[in-house]
Amino acid sequence: MIFQSILTQFQTLSSGTDAFKKLKQLCEQNIPLATDSSEQTALFLIYGFAKNYVLLYEDQAVTSEFAQAAKQQLLNYMLQLDGAIQTGQKDHILDSLNQVTADYMQSSRVF
């Protein structure tokens, strides 16, 4: 699965803007390649988060703690979505997409 592969790659990257740039690039390249519309939607959501992080922080100095916290927040979202995608159940995937969106809206919105 494409999403799981991208998640694994993002996990191995260090924290910081370069990791988010790579994630953004991977999502953008793979959205058209995903055969399942739910996986495409999850990739698009994560792409948006990564893109926002890059736009906001690419030219700013951020602490390593901030970068690590932002990466962990996004990893948590990706892990939640990956678990749902692995089930193949559209209703479960939709619930996870909605939950990630709701969690983000209640968060400090760092990206």
PDB file of N, CA and C in Angstrom:
ATOM      1  N   MET A   1       0.833  -1.185   0.000  1.00  0.00           N
ATOM      2  CA  MET A   1       0.000   0.000   0.000  1.00  0.00           C
ATOM      3  C   MET A   1       0.880   1.252   0.000  1.00  0.00           C
ATOM      4  N   ILE A   2       0.460   2.215  -0.738  1.00  0.00           N
ATOM      5  CA  ILE A   2       1.219   3.447  -0.903  1.00  0.00           C
ATOM      6  C   ILE A   2       1.300   4.226   0.409  1.00  0.00           C
ATOM      7  N   PHE A   3       0.169   4.377   1.087  1.00  0.00           N
ATOM      8  CA  PHE A   3       0.145   5.187   2.307  1.00  0.00           C
ATOM      9  C   PHE A   3       1.097   4.612   3.348  1.00  0.00           C
ATOM     10  N   GLN A   4       1.055   3.305   3.511  1.00  0.00           N
ATOM     11  CA  GLN A   4       1.910   2.657   4.503  1.00  0.00           C
ATOM     12  C   GLN A   4       3.393   2.851   4.169  1.00  0.00           C
ATOM     13  N   SER A   5       3.726   2.780   2.906  1.00  0.00           N
ATOM     14  CA  SER A   5       5.106   2.991   2.472  1.00  0.00           C
ATOM     15  C   SER A   5       5.566   4.416   2.774  1.00  0.00           C
ATOM     16  N   ILE A   6       4.716   5.384   2.511  1.00  0.00           N
ATOM     17  CA  ILE A   6       5.050   6.783   2.789  1.00  0.00           C
ATOM     18  C   ILE A   6       5.184   7.006   4.292  1.00  0.00           C
ATOM     19  N   LEU A   7       4.309   6.405   5.066  1.00  0.00           N
ATOM     20  CA  LEU A   7       4.390   6.495   6.526  1.00  0.00           C
ATOM     21  C   LEU A   7       5.734   5.965   7.015  1.00  0.00           C
ATOM     22  N   THR A   8       6.132   4.814   6.525  1.00  0.00           N
ATOM     23  CA  THR A   8       7.400   4.210   6.929  1.00  0.00           C
ATOM     24  C   THR A   8       8.577   5.114   6.580  1.00  0.00           C
ATOM     25  N   GLN A   9       8.534   5.708   5.397  1.00  0.00           N
ATOM     26  CA  GLN A   9       9.611   6.615   4.991  1.00  0.00           C
ATOM     27  C   GLN A   9       9.659   7.850   5.889  1.00  0.00           C
ATOM     28  N   PHE A  10       8.500   8.415   6.202  1.00  0.00           N
ATOM     29  CA  PHE A  10       8.451   9.608   7.046  1.00  0.00           C
ATOM     30  C   PHE A  10       8.963   9.295   8.450  1.00  0.00           C
ATOM     31  N   GLN A  11       8.665   8.106   8.953  1.00  0.00           N
ATOM     32  CA  GLN A  11       9.128   7.718  10.285  1.00  0.00           C
ATOM     33  C   GLN A  11      10.651   7.712  10.369  1.00  0.00           C
ATOM     34  N   THR A  12      11.310   7.359   9.277  1.00  0.00           N
ATOM     35  CA  THR A  12      12.770   7.233   9.296  1.00  0.00           C
ATOM     36  C   THR A  12      13.492   8.562   9.104  1.00  0.00           C
ATOM     37  N   LEU A  13      12.776   9.582   8.670  1.00  0.00           N
ATOM     38  CA  LEU A  13      13.398  10.884   8.439  1.00  0.00           C
ATOM     39  C   LEU A  13      13.582  11.631   9.754  1.00  0.00           C
ATOM     40  N   SER A  14      14.597  12.495   9.786  1.00  0.00           N
ATOM     41  CA  SER A  14      14.787  13.318  10.975  1.00  0.00           C
ATOM     42  C   SER A  14      13.685  14.369  11.040  1.00  0.00           C
ATOM     43  N   SER A  15      13.569  15.009  12.169  1.00  0.00           N
ATOM     44  CA  SER A  15      12.561  16.061  12.326  1.00  0.00           C
ATOM     45  C   SER A  15      13.028  17.314  11.603  1.00  0.00           C
ATOM     46  N   GLY A  16      12.088  18.119  11.191  1.00  0.00           N
ATOM     47  CA  GLY A  16      12.428  19.387  10.568  1.00  0.00           C
ATOM     48  C   GLY A  16      11.785  19.561   9.215  1.00  0.00           C
ATOM     49  N   THR A  17      12.050  20.687   8.628  1.00  0.00           N
ATOM     50  CA  THR A  17      11.406  21.072   7.380  1.00  0.00           C
ATOM     51  C   THR A  17      11.720  20.100   6.249  1.00  0.00           C
ATOM     52  N   ASP A  18      12.937  19.575   6.207  1.00  0.00           N
ATOM     53  CA  ASP A  18      13.291  18.652   5.125  1.00  0.00           C
ATOM     54  C   ASP A  18      12.426  17.396   5.143  1.00  0.00           C
ATOM     55  N   ALA A  19      12.096  16.909   6.320  1.00  0.00           N
ATOM     56  CA  ALA A  19      11.227  15.734   6.425  1.00  0.00           C
ATOM     57  C   ALA A  19       9.833  16.047   5.897  1.00  0.00           C
ATOM     58  N   PHE A  20       9.327  17.222   6.218  1.00  0.00           N
ATOM     59  CA  PHE A  20       8.005  17.619   5.747  1.00  0.00           C
ATOM     60  C   PHE A  20       8.011  17.880   4.244  1.00  0.00           C
ATOM     61  N   LYS A  21       9.123  18.418   3.726  1.00  0.00           N
ATOM     62  CA  LYS A  21       9.245  18.608   2.277  1.00  0.00           C
ATOM     63  C   LYS A  21       9.192  17.268   1.558  1.00  0.00           C
ATOM     64  N   LYS A  22       9.929  16.301   2.082  1.00  0.00           N
ATOM     65  CA  LYS A  22       9.953  14.962   1.478  1.00  0.00           C
ATOM     66  C   LYS A  22       8.571  14.332   1.544  1.00  0.00           C
ATOM     67  N   LEU A  23       7.901  14.457   2.682  1.00  0.00           N
ATOM     68  CA  LEU A  23       6.554  13.910   2.830  1.00  0.00           C
ATOM     69  C   LEU A  23       5.602  14.559   1.835  1.00  0.00           C
ATOM     70  N   LYS A  24       5.665  15.857   1.718  1.00  0.00           N
ATOM     71  CA  LYS A  24       4.828  16.591   0.762  1.00  0.00           C
ATOM     72  C   LYS A  24       5.063  16.074  -0.649  1.00  0.00           C
ATOM     73  N   GLN A  25       6.325  15.921  -1.011  1.00  0.00           N
ATOM     74  CA  GLN A  25       6.683  15.443  -2.344  1.00  0.00           C
ATOM     75  C   GLN A  25       6.155  14.024  -2.581  1.00  0.00           C
ATOM     76  N   LEU A  26       6.340  13.145  -1.609  1.00  0.00           N
ATOM     77  CA  LEU A  26       5.874  11.762  -1.754  1.00  0.00           C
ATOM     78  C   LEU A  26       4.359  11.689  -1.904  1.00  0.00           C
ATOM     79  N   CYS A  27       3.652  12.461  -1.091  1.00  0.00           N
ATOM     80  CA  CYS A  27       2.190  12.468  -1.191  1.00  0.00           C
ATOM     81  C   CYS A  27       1.746  12.993  -2.547  1.00  0.00           C
ATOM     82  N   GLU A  28       2.333  14.098  -2.965  1.00  0.00           N
ATOM     83  CA  GLU A  28       1.948  14.715  -4.237  1.00  0.00           C
ATOM     84  C   GLU A  28       2.180  13.759  -5.406  1.00  0.00           C
ATOM     85  N   GLN A  29       3.294  13.043  -5.383  1.00  0.00           N
ATOM     86  CA  GLN A  29       3.612  12.100  -6.452  1.00  0.00           C
ATOM     87  C   GLN A  29       2.693  10.887  -6.453  1.00  0.00           C
ATOM     88  N   ASN A  30       2.250  10.470  -5.269  1.00  0.00           N
ATOM     89  CA  ASN A  30       1.523   9.210  -5.165  1.00  0.00           C
ATOM     90  C   ASN A  30       0.010   9.336  -5.139  1.00  0.00           C
ATOM     91  N   ILE A  31      -0.524  10.529  -4.968  1.00  0.00           N
ATOM     92  CA  ILE A  31      -1.985  10.684  -4.984  1.00  0.00           C
ATOM     93  C   ILE A  31      -2.571  10.123  -6.279  1.00  0.00           C
ATOM     94  N   PRO A  32      -2.023  10.472  -7.449  1.00  0.00           N
ATOM     95  CA  PRO A  32      -2.614   9.931  -8.681  1.00  0.00           C
ATOM     96  C   PRO A  32      -2.379   8.428  -8.865  1.00  0.00           C
ATOM     97  N   LEU A  33      -1.388   7.880  -8.173  1.00  0.00           N
ATOM     98  CA  LEU A  33      -1.060   6.466  -8.329  1.00  0.00           C
ATOM     99  C   LEU A  33      -1.891   5.555  -7.434  1.00  0.00           C
ATOM    100  N   ALA A  34      -2.445   6.101  -6.378  1.00  0.00           N
ATOM    101  CA  ALA A  34      -3.261   5.295  -5.460  1.00  0.00           C
ATOM    102  C   ALA A  34      -4.532   4.858  -6.182  1.00  0.00           C
ATOM    103  N   THR A  35      -4.835   3.584  -6.099  1.00  0.00           N
ATOM    104  CA  THR A  35      -6.003   3.054  -6.803  1.00  0.00           C
ATOM    105  C   THR A  35      -7.279   3.159  -5.989  1.00  0.00           C
ATOM    106  N   ASP A  36      -7.146   3.352  -4.702  1.00  0.00           N
ATOM    107  CA  ASP A  36      -8.316   3.439  -3.830  1.00  0.00           C
ATOM    108  C   ASP A  36      -8.589   4.905  -3.493  1.00  0.00           C
ATOM    109  N   SER A  37      -9.821   5.325  -3.650  1.00  0.00           N
ATOM    110  CA  SER A  37     -10.164   6.731  -3.404  1.00  0.00           C
ATOM    111  C   SER A  37      -9.965   7.125  -1.939  1.00  0.00           C
ATOM    112  N   SER A  38     -10.165   6.198  -1.026  1.00  0.00           N
ATOM    113  CA  SER A  38      -9.949   6.506   0.394  1.00  0.00           C
ATOM    114  C   SER A  38      -8.476   6.768   0.681  1.00  0.00           C
ATOM    115  N   GLU A  39      -7.623   5.993   0.052  1.00  0.00           N
ATOM    116  CA  GLU A  39      -6.185   6.201   0.227  1.00  0.00           C
ATOM    117  C   GLU A  39      -5.765   7.530  -0.413  1.00  0.00           C
ATOM    118  N   GLN A  40      -6.342   7.860  -1.552  1.00  0.00           N
ATOM    119  CA  GLN A  40      -6.068   9.150  -2.186  1.00  0.00           C
ATOM    120  C   GLN A  40      -6.470  10.299  -1.262  1.00  0.00           C
ATOM    121  N   THR A  41      -7.616  10.167  -0.628  1.00  0.00           N
ATOM    122  CA  THR A  41      -8.097  11.207   0.278  1.00  0.00           C
ATOM    123  C   THR A  41      -7.166  11.362   1.476  1.00  0.00           C
ATOM    124  N   ALA A  42      -6.726  10.249   2.042  1.00  0.00           N
ATOM    125  CA  ALA A  42      -5.793  10.301   3.174  1.00  0.00           C
ATOM    126  C   ALA A  42      -4.471  10.946   2.751  1.00  0.00           C
ATOM    127  N   LEU A  43      -3.980  10.586   1.582  1.00  0.00           N
ATOM    128  CA  LEU A  43      -2.746  11.185   1.073  1.00  0.00           C
ATOM    129  C   LEU A  43      -2.908  12.688   0.870  1.00  0.00           C
ATOM    130  N   PHE A  44      -4.060  13.096   0.358  1.00  0.00           N
ATOM    131  CA  PHE A  44      -4.308  14.517   0.127  1.00  0.00           C
ATOM    132  C   PHE A  44      -4.352  15.291   1.444  1.00  0.00           C
ATOM    133  N   LEU A  45      -4.969  14.708   2.459  1.00  0.00           N
ATOM    134  CA  LEU A  45      -5.037  15.364   3.770  1.00  0.00           C
ATOM    135  C   LEU A  45      -3.633  15.544   4.350  1.00  0.00           C
ATOM    136  N   ILE A  46      -2.840  14.490   4.313  1.00  0.00           N
ATOM    137  CA  ILE A  46      -1.477  14.553   4.843  1.00  0.00           C
ATOM    138  C   ILE A  46      -0.618  15.497   4.001  1.00  0.00           C
ATOM    139  N   TYR A  47      -0.824  15.476   2.693  1.00  0.00           N
ATOM    140  CA  TYR A  47      -0.130  16.416   1.809  1.00  0.00           C
ATOM    141  C   TYR A  47      -0.398  17.857   2.252  1.00  0.00           C
ATOM    142  N   GLY A  48      -1.635  18.167   2.558  1.00  0.00           N
ATOM    143  CA  GLY A  48      -1.991  19.517   2.993  1.00  0.00           C
ATOM    144  C   GLY A  48      -1.299  19.910   4.281  1.00  0.00           C
ATOM    145  N   PHE A  49      -1.231  18.984   5.232  1.00  0.00           N
ATOM    146  CA  PHE A  49      -0.537  19.269   6.487  1.00  0.00           C
ATOM    147  C   PHE A  49       0.955  19.522   6.236  1.00  0.00           C
ATOM    148  N   ALA A  50       1.573  18.661   5.430  1.00  0.00           N
ATOM    149  CA  ALA A  50       3.004  18.803   5.141  1.00  0.00           C
ATOM    150  C   ALA A  50       3.284  20.103   4.385  1.00  0.00           C
ATOM    151  N   LYS A  51       2.433  20.415   3.430  1.00  0.00           N
ATOM    152  CA  LYS A  51       2.595  21.643   2.645  1.00  0.00           C
ATOM    153  C   LYS A  51       2.514  22.870   3.555  1.00  0.00           C
ATOM    154  N   ASN A  52       1.544  22.879   4.454  1.00  0.00           N
ATOM    155  CA  ASN A  52       1.400  24.006   5.377  1.00  0.00           C
ATOM    156  C   ASN A  52       2.634  24.168   6.255  1.00  0.00           C
ATOM    157  N   TYR A  53       3.163  23.050   6.759  1.00  0.00           N
ATOM    158  CA  TYR A  53       4.360  23.127   7.601  1.00  0.00           C
ATOM    159  C   TYR A  53       5.506  23.763   6.823  1.00  0.00           C
ATOM    160  N   VAL A  54       5.713  23.306   5.599  1.00  0.00           N
ATOM    161  CA  VAL A  54       6.801  23.845   4.774  1.00  0.00           C
ATOM    162  C   VAL A  54       6.590  25.334   4.517  1.00  0.00           C
ATOM    163  N   LEU A  55       5.375  25.721   4.169  1.00  0.00           N
ATOM    164  CA  LEU A  55       5.095  27.135   3.902  1.00  0.00           C
ATOM    165  C   LEU A  55       5.314  28.006   5.138  1.00  0.00           C
ATOM    166  N   LEU A  56       4.940  27.486   6.297  1.00  0.00           N
ATOM    167  CA  LEU A  56       5.042  28.268   7.528  1.00  0.00           C
ATOM    168  C   LEU A  56       6.458  28.358   8.085  1.00  0.00           C
ATOM    169  N   TYR A  57       7.233  27.279   7.965  1.00  0.00           N
ATOM    170  CA  TYR A  57       8.485  27.206   8.715  1.00  0.00           C
ATOM    171  C   TYR A  57       9.748  27.048   7.878  1.00  0.00           C
ATOM    172  N   GLU A  58       9.621  26.984   6.567  1.00  0.00           N
ATOM    173  CA  GLU A  58      10.801  26.742   5.733  1.00  0.00           C
ATOM    174  C   GLU A  58      11.894  27.792   5.941  1.00  0.00           C
ATOM    175  N   ASP A  59      11.516  29.027   6.091  1.00  0.00           N
ATOM    176  CA  ASP A  59      12.509  30.095   6.217  1.00  0.00           C
ATOM    177  C   ASP A  59      12.633  30.620   7.650  1.00  0.00           C
ATOM    178  N   GLN A  60      12.191  29.816   8.618  1.00  0.00           N
ATOM    179  CA  GLN A  60      12.260  30.227  10.016  1.00  0.00           C
ATOM    180  C   GLN A  60      13.040  29.202  10.827  1.00  0.00           C
ATOM    181  N   ALA A  61      13.717  29.692  11.831  1.00  0.00           N
ATOM    182  CA  ALA A  61      14.396  28.793  12.759  1.00  0.00           C
ATOM    183  C   ALA A  61      13.376  28.283  13.770  1.00  0.00           C
ATOM    184  N   VAL A  62      13.287  26.978  13.898  1.00  0.00           N
ATOM    185  CA  VAL A  62      12.409  26.381  14.907  1.00  0.00           C
ATOM    186  C   VAL A  62      13.265  25.496  15.807  1.00  0.00           C
ATOM    187  N   THR A  63      12.839  25.355  17.035  1.00  0.00           N
ATOM    188  CA  THR A  63      13.582  24.509  17.964  1.00  0.00           C
ATOM    189  C   THR A  63      13.404  23.046  17.585  1.00  0.00           C
ATOM    190  N   SER A  64      14.347  22.241  18.003  1.00  0.00           N
ATOM    191  CA  SER A  64      14.239  20.809  17.718  1.00  0.00           C
ATOM    192  C   SER A  64      13.039  20.208  18.439  1.00  0.00           C
ATOM    193  N   GLU A  65      12.695  20.756  19.598  1.00  0.00           N
ATOM    194  CA  GLU A  65      11.530  20.265  20.331  1.00  0.00           C
ATOM    195  C   GLU A  65      10.243  20.539  19.552  1.00  0.00           C
ATOM    196  N   PHE A  66      10.144  21.737  18.988  1.00  0.00           N
ATOM    197  CA  PHE A  66       8.973  22.092  18.190  1.00  0.00           C
ATOM    198  C   PHE A  66       8.867  21.185  16.966  1.00  0.00           C
ATOM    199  N   ALA A  67       9.990  21.004  16.274  1.00  0.00           N
ATOM    200  CA  ALA A  67       9.996  20.169  15.072  1.00  0.00           C
ATOM    201  C   ALA A  67       9.623  18.728  15.406  1.00  0.00           C
ATOM    202  N   GLN A  68      10.150  18.213  16.501  1.00  0.00           N
ATOM    203  CA  GLN A  68       9.847  16.840  16.902  1.00  0.00           C
ATOM    204  C   GLN A  68       8.378  16.699  17.286  1.00  0.00           C
ATOM    205  N   ALA A  69       7.838  17.677  17.997  1.00  0.00           N
ATOM    206  CA  ALA A  69       6.423  17.623  18.394  1.00  0.00           C
ATOM    207  C   ALA A  69       5.513  17.674  17.172  1.00  0.00           C
ATOM    208  N   ALA A  70       5.852  18.513  16.204  1.00  0.00           N
ATOM    209  CA  ALA A  70       5.049  18.602  14.981  1.00  0.00           C
ATOM    210  C   ALA A  70       5.107  17.292  14.204  1.00  0.00           C
ATOM    211  N   LYS A  71       6.298  16.720  14.101  1.00  0.00           N
ATOM    212  CA  LYS A  71       6.432  15.441  13.392  1.00  0.00           C
ATOM    213  C   LYS A  71       5.642  14.351  14.111  1.00  0.00           C
ATOM    214  N   GLN A  72       5.723  14.325  15.438  1.00  0.00           N
ATOM    215  CA  GLN A  72       4.994  13.301  16.190  1.00  0.00           C
ATOM    216  C   GLN A  72       3.486  13.455  16.020  1.00  0.00           C
ATOM    217  N   GLN A  73       3.002  14.688  16.015  1.00  0.00           N
ATOM    218  CA  GLN A  73       1.571  14.916  15.810  1.00  0.00           C
ATOM    219  C   GLN A  73       1.142  14.382  14.446  1.00  0.00           C
ATOM    220  N   LEU A  74       1.927  14.675  13.421  1.00  0.00           N
ATOM    221  CA  LEU A  74       1.581  14.202  12.083  1.00  0.00           C
ATOM    222  C   LEU A  74       1.723  12.688  11.982  1.00  0.00           C
ATOM    223  N   LEU A  75       2.736  12.126  12.619  1.00  0.00           N
ATOM    224  CA  LEU A  75       2.878  10.666  12.636  1.00  0.00           C
ATOM    225  C   LEU A  75       1.674  10.005  13.300  1.00  0.00           C
ATOM    226  N   ASN A  76       1.192  10.584  14.386  1.00  0.00           N
ATOM    227  CA  ASN A  76       0.007  10.032  15.048  1.00  0.00           C
ATOM    228  C   ASN A  76      -1.193  10.030  14.107  1.00  0.00           C
ATOM    229  N   TYR A  77      -1.377  11.117  13.370  1.00  0.00           N
ATOM    230  CA  TYR A  77      -2.463  11.169  12.392  1.00  0.00           C
ATOM    231  C   TYR A  77      -2.274  10.096  11.324  1.00  0.00           C
ATOM    232  N   MET A  78      -1.057   9.971  10.844  1.00  0.00           N
ATOM    233  CA  MET A  78      -0.784   8.997   9.786  1.00  0.00           C
ATOM    234  C   MET A  78      -0.974   7.562  10.273  1.00  0.00           C
ATOM    235  N   LEU A  79      -0.563   7.286  11.495  1.00  0.00           N
ATOM    236  CA  LEU A  79      -0.752   5.944  12.055  1.00  0.00           C
ATOM    237  C   LEU A  79      -2.232   5.615  12.200  1.00  0.00           C
ATOM    238  N   GLN A  80      -3.009   6.589  12.637  1.00  0.00           N
ATOM    239  CA  GLN A  80      -4.451   6.385  12.766  1.00  0.00           C
ATOM    240  C   GLN A  80      -5.074   6.097  11.399  1.00  0.00           C
ATOM    241  N   LEU A  81      -4.702   6.884  10.407  1.00  0.00           N
ATOM    242  CA  LEU A  81      -5.246   6.687   9.064  1.00  0.00           C
ATOM    243  C   LEU A  81      -4.774   5.368   8.463  1.00  0.00           C
ATOM    244  N   ASP A  82      -3.515   5.020   8.683  1.00  0.00           N
ATOM    245  CA  ASP A  82      -2.992   3.767   8.143  1.00  0.00           C
ATOM    246  C   ASP A  82      -3.732   2.569   8.723  1.00  0.00           C
ATOM    247  N   GLY A  83      -3.993   2.614  10.015  1.00  0.00           N
ATOM    248  CA  GLY A  83      -4.748   1.521  10.630  1.00  0.00           C
ATOM    249  C   GLY A  83      -6.112   1.350   9.997  1.00  0.00           C
ATOM    250  N   ALA A  84      -6.762   2.448   9.700  1.00  0.00           N
ATOM    251  CA  ALA A  84      -8.079   2.390   9.062  1.00  0.00           C
ATOM    252  C   ALA A  84      -7.966   1.901   7.622  1.00  0.00           C
ATOM    253  N   ILE A  85      -6.973   2.390   6.902  1.00  0.00           N
ATOM    254  CA  ILE A  85      -6.789   1.969   5.505  1.00  0.00           C
ATOM    255  C   ILE A  85      -6.524   0.473   5.434  1.00  0.00           C
ATOM    256  N   GLN A  86      -5.772  -0.050   6.384  1.00  0.00           N
ATOM    257  CA  GLN A  86      -5.454  -1.479   6.393  1.00  0.00           C
ATOM    258  C   GLN A  86      -6.701  -2.354   6.531  1.00  0.00           C
ATOM    259  N   THR A  87      -7.742  -1.830   7.155  1.00  0.00           N
ATOM    260  CA  THR A  87      -8.972  -2.617   7.297  1.00  0.00           C
ATOM    261  C   THR A  87      -9.716  -2.731   5.978  1.00  0.00           C
ATOM    262  N   GLY A  88      -9.545  -1.743   5.104  1.00  0.00           N
ATOM    263  CA  GLY A  88     -10.259  -1.740   3.831  1.00  0.00           C
ATOM    264  C   GLY A  88     -11.723  -1.364   3.954  1.00  0.00           C
ATOM    265  N   GLN A  89     -12.151  -0.993   5.140  1.00  0.00           N
ATOM    266  CA  GLN A  89     -13.554  -0.648   5.372  1.00  0.00           C
ATOM    267  C   GLN A  89     -13.739   0.858   5.200  1.00  0.00           C
ATOM    268  N   LYS A  90     -14.480   1.218   4.170  1.00  0.00           N
ATOM    269  CA  LYS A  90     -14.655   2.635   3.821  1.00  0.00           C
ATOM    270  C   LYS A  90     -15.229   3.450   4.978  1.00  0.00           C
ATOM    271  N   ASP A  91     -16.179   2.881   5.711  1.00  0.00           N
ATOM    272  CA  ASP A  91     -16.773   3.638   6.814  1.00  0.00           C
ATOM    273  C   ASP A  91     -15.753   3.891   7.921  1.00  0.00           C
ATOM    274  N   HIS A  92     -14.889   2.924   8.169  1.00  0.00           N
ATOM    275  CA  HIS A  92     -13.848   3.091   9.185  1.00  0.00           C
ATOM    276  C   HIS A  92     -12.820   4.132   8.732  1.00  0.00           C
ATOM    277  N   ILE A  93     -12.475   4.112   7.459  1.00  0.00           N
ATOM    278  CA  ILE A  93     -11.531   5.090   6.916  1.00  0.00           C
ATOM    279  C   ILE A  93     -12.121   6.493   7.006  1.00  0.00           C
ATOM    280  N   LEU A  94     -13.387   6.624   6.641  1.00  0.00           N
ATOM    281  CA  LEU A  94     -14.048   7.928   6.717  1.00  0.00           C
ATOM    282  C   LEU A  94     -14.103   8.429   8.157  1.00  0.00           C
ATOM    283  N   ASP A  95     -14.421   7.536   9.089  1.00  0.00           N
ATOM    284  CA  ASP A  95     -14.428   7.921  10.503  1.00  0.00           C
ATOM    285  C   ASP A  95     -13.047   8.413  10.948  1.00  0.00           C
ATOM    286  N   SER A  96     -12.004   7.731  10.506  1.00  0.00           N
ATOM    287  CA  SER A  96     -10.643   8.135  10.871  1.00  0.00           C
ATOM    288  C   SER A  96     -10.271   9.475  10.254  1.00  0.00           C
ATOM    289  N   LEU A  97     -10.654   9.688   9.002  1.00  0.00           N
ATOM    290  CA  LEU A  97     -10.410  10.986   8.362  1.00  0.00           C
ATOM    291  C   LEU A  97     -11.115  12.099   9.132  1.00  0.00           C
ATOM    292  N   ASN A  98     -12.349  11.839   9.524  1.00  0.00           N
ATOM    293  CA  ASN A  98     -13.104  12.828  10.298  1.00  0.00           C
ATOM    294  C   ASN A  98     -12.475  13.065  11.667  1.00  0.00           C
ATOM    295  N   GLN A  99     -11.997  12.001  12.301  1.00  0.00           N
ATOM    296  CA  GLN A  99     -11.378  12.126  13.622  1.00  0.00           C
ATOM    297  C   GLN A  99     -10.077  12.920  13.548  1.00  0.00           C
ATOM    298  N   VAL A 100      -9.263  12.632  12.537  1.00  0.00           N
ATOM    299  CA  VAL A 100      -8.013  13.375  12.359  1.00  0.00           C
ATOM    300  C   VAL A 100      -8.314  14.854  12.146  1.00  0.00           C
ATOM    301  N   THR A 101      -9.307  15.140  11.323  1.00  0.00           N
ATOM    302  CA  THR A 101      -9.687  16.531  11.070  1.00  0.00           C
ATOM    303  C   THR A 101     -10.167  17.208  12.346  1.00  0.00           C
ATOM    304  N   ALA A 102     -11.005  16.523  13.105  1.00  0.00           N
ATOM    305  CA  ALA A 102     -11.511  17.084  14.363  1.00  0.00           C
ATOM    306  C   ALA A 102     -10.373  17.303  15.360  1.00  0.00           C
ATOM    307  N   ASP A 103      -9.464  16.326  15.464  1.00  0.00           N
ATOM    308  CA  ASP A 103      -8.322  16.469  16.371  1.00  0.00           C
ATOM    309  C   ASP A 103      -7.459  17.659  15.974  1.00  0.00           C
ATOM    310  N   TYR A 104      -7.231  17.803  14.682  1.00  0.00           N
ATOM    311  CA  TYR A 104      -6.423  18.925  14.204  1.00  0.00           C
ATOM    312  C   TYR A 104      -7.082  20.257  14.547  1.00  0.00           C
ATOM    313  N   MET A 105      -8.379  20.349  14.351  1.00  0.00           N
ATOM    314  CA  MET A 105      -9.088  21.599  14.620  1.00  0.00           C
ATOM    315  C   MET A 105      -9.057  21.959  16.104  1.00  0.00           C
ATOM    316  N   GLN A 106      -8.930  20.963  16.976  1.00  0.00           N
ATOM    317  CA  GLN A 106      -8.845  21.202  18.414  1.00  0.00           C
ATOM    318  C   GLN A 106      -7.406  21.407  18.886  1.00  0.00           C
ATOM    319  N   SER A 107      -6.443  21.179  17.997  1.00  0.00           N
ATOM    320  CA  SER A 107      -5.031  21.286  18.368  1.00  0.00           C
ATOM    321  C   SER A 107      -4.546  22.727  18.228  1.00  0.00           C
ATOM    322  N   SER A 108      -3.266  22.913  18.451  1.00  0.00           N
ATOM    323  CA  SER A 108      -2.673  24.247  18.305  1.00  0.00           C
ATOM    324  C   SER A 108      -2.415  24.612  16.844  1.00  0.00           C
ATOM    325  N   ARG A 109      -2.703  23.707  15.943  1.00  0.00           N
ATOM    326  CA  ARG A 109      -2.583  23.915  14.484  1.00  0.00           C
ATOM    327  C   ARG A 109      -1.201  24.428  14.095  1.00  0.00           C
ATOM    328  N   VAL A 110      -0.200  23.652  14.438  1.00  0.00           N
ATOM    329  CA  VAL A 110       1.169  24.053  14.121  1.00  0.00           C
ATOM    330  C   VAL A 110       1.477  23.918  12.637  1.00  0.00           C
ATOM    331  N   PHE A 111       0.626  23.201  11.907  1.00  0.00           N
ATOM    332  CA  PHE A 111       0.812  23.100  10.455  1.00  0.00           C
ATOM    333  C   PHE A 111      -0.510  23.207   9.755  1.00  0.00           C
TER     334      PHE A 111
END
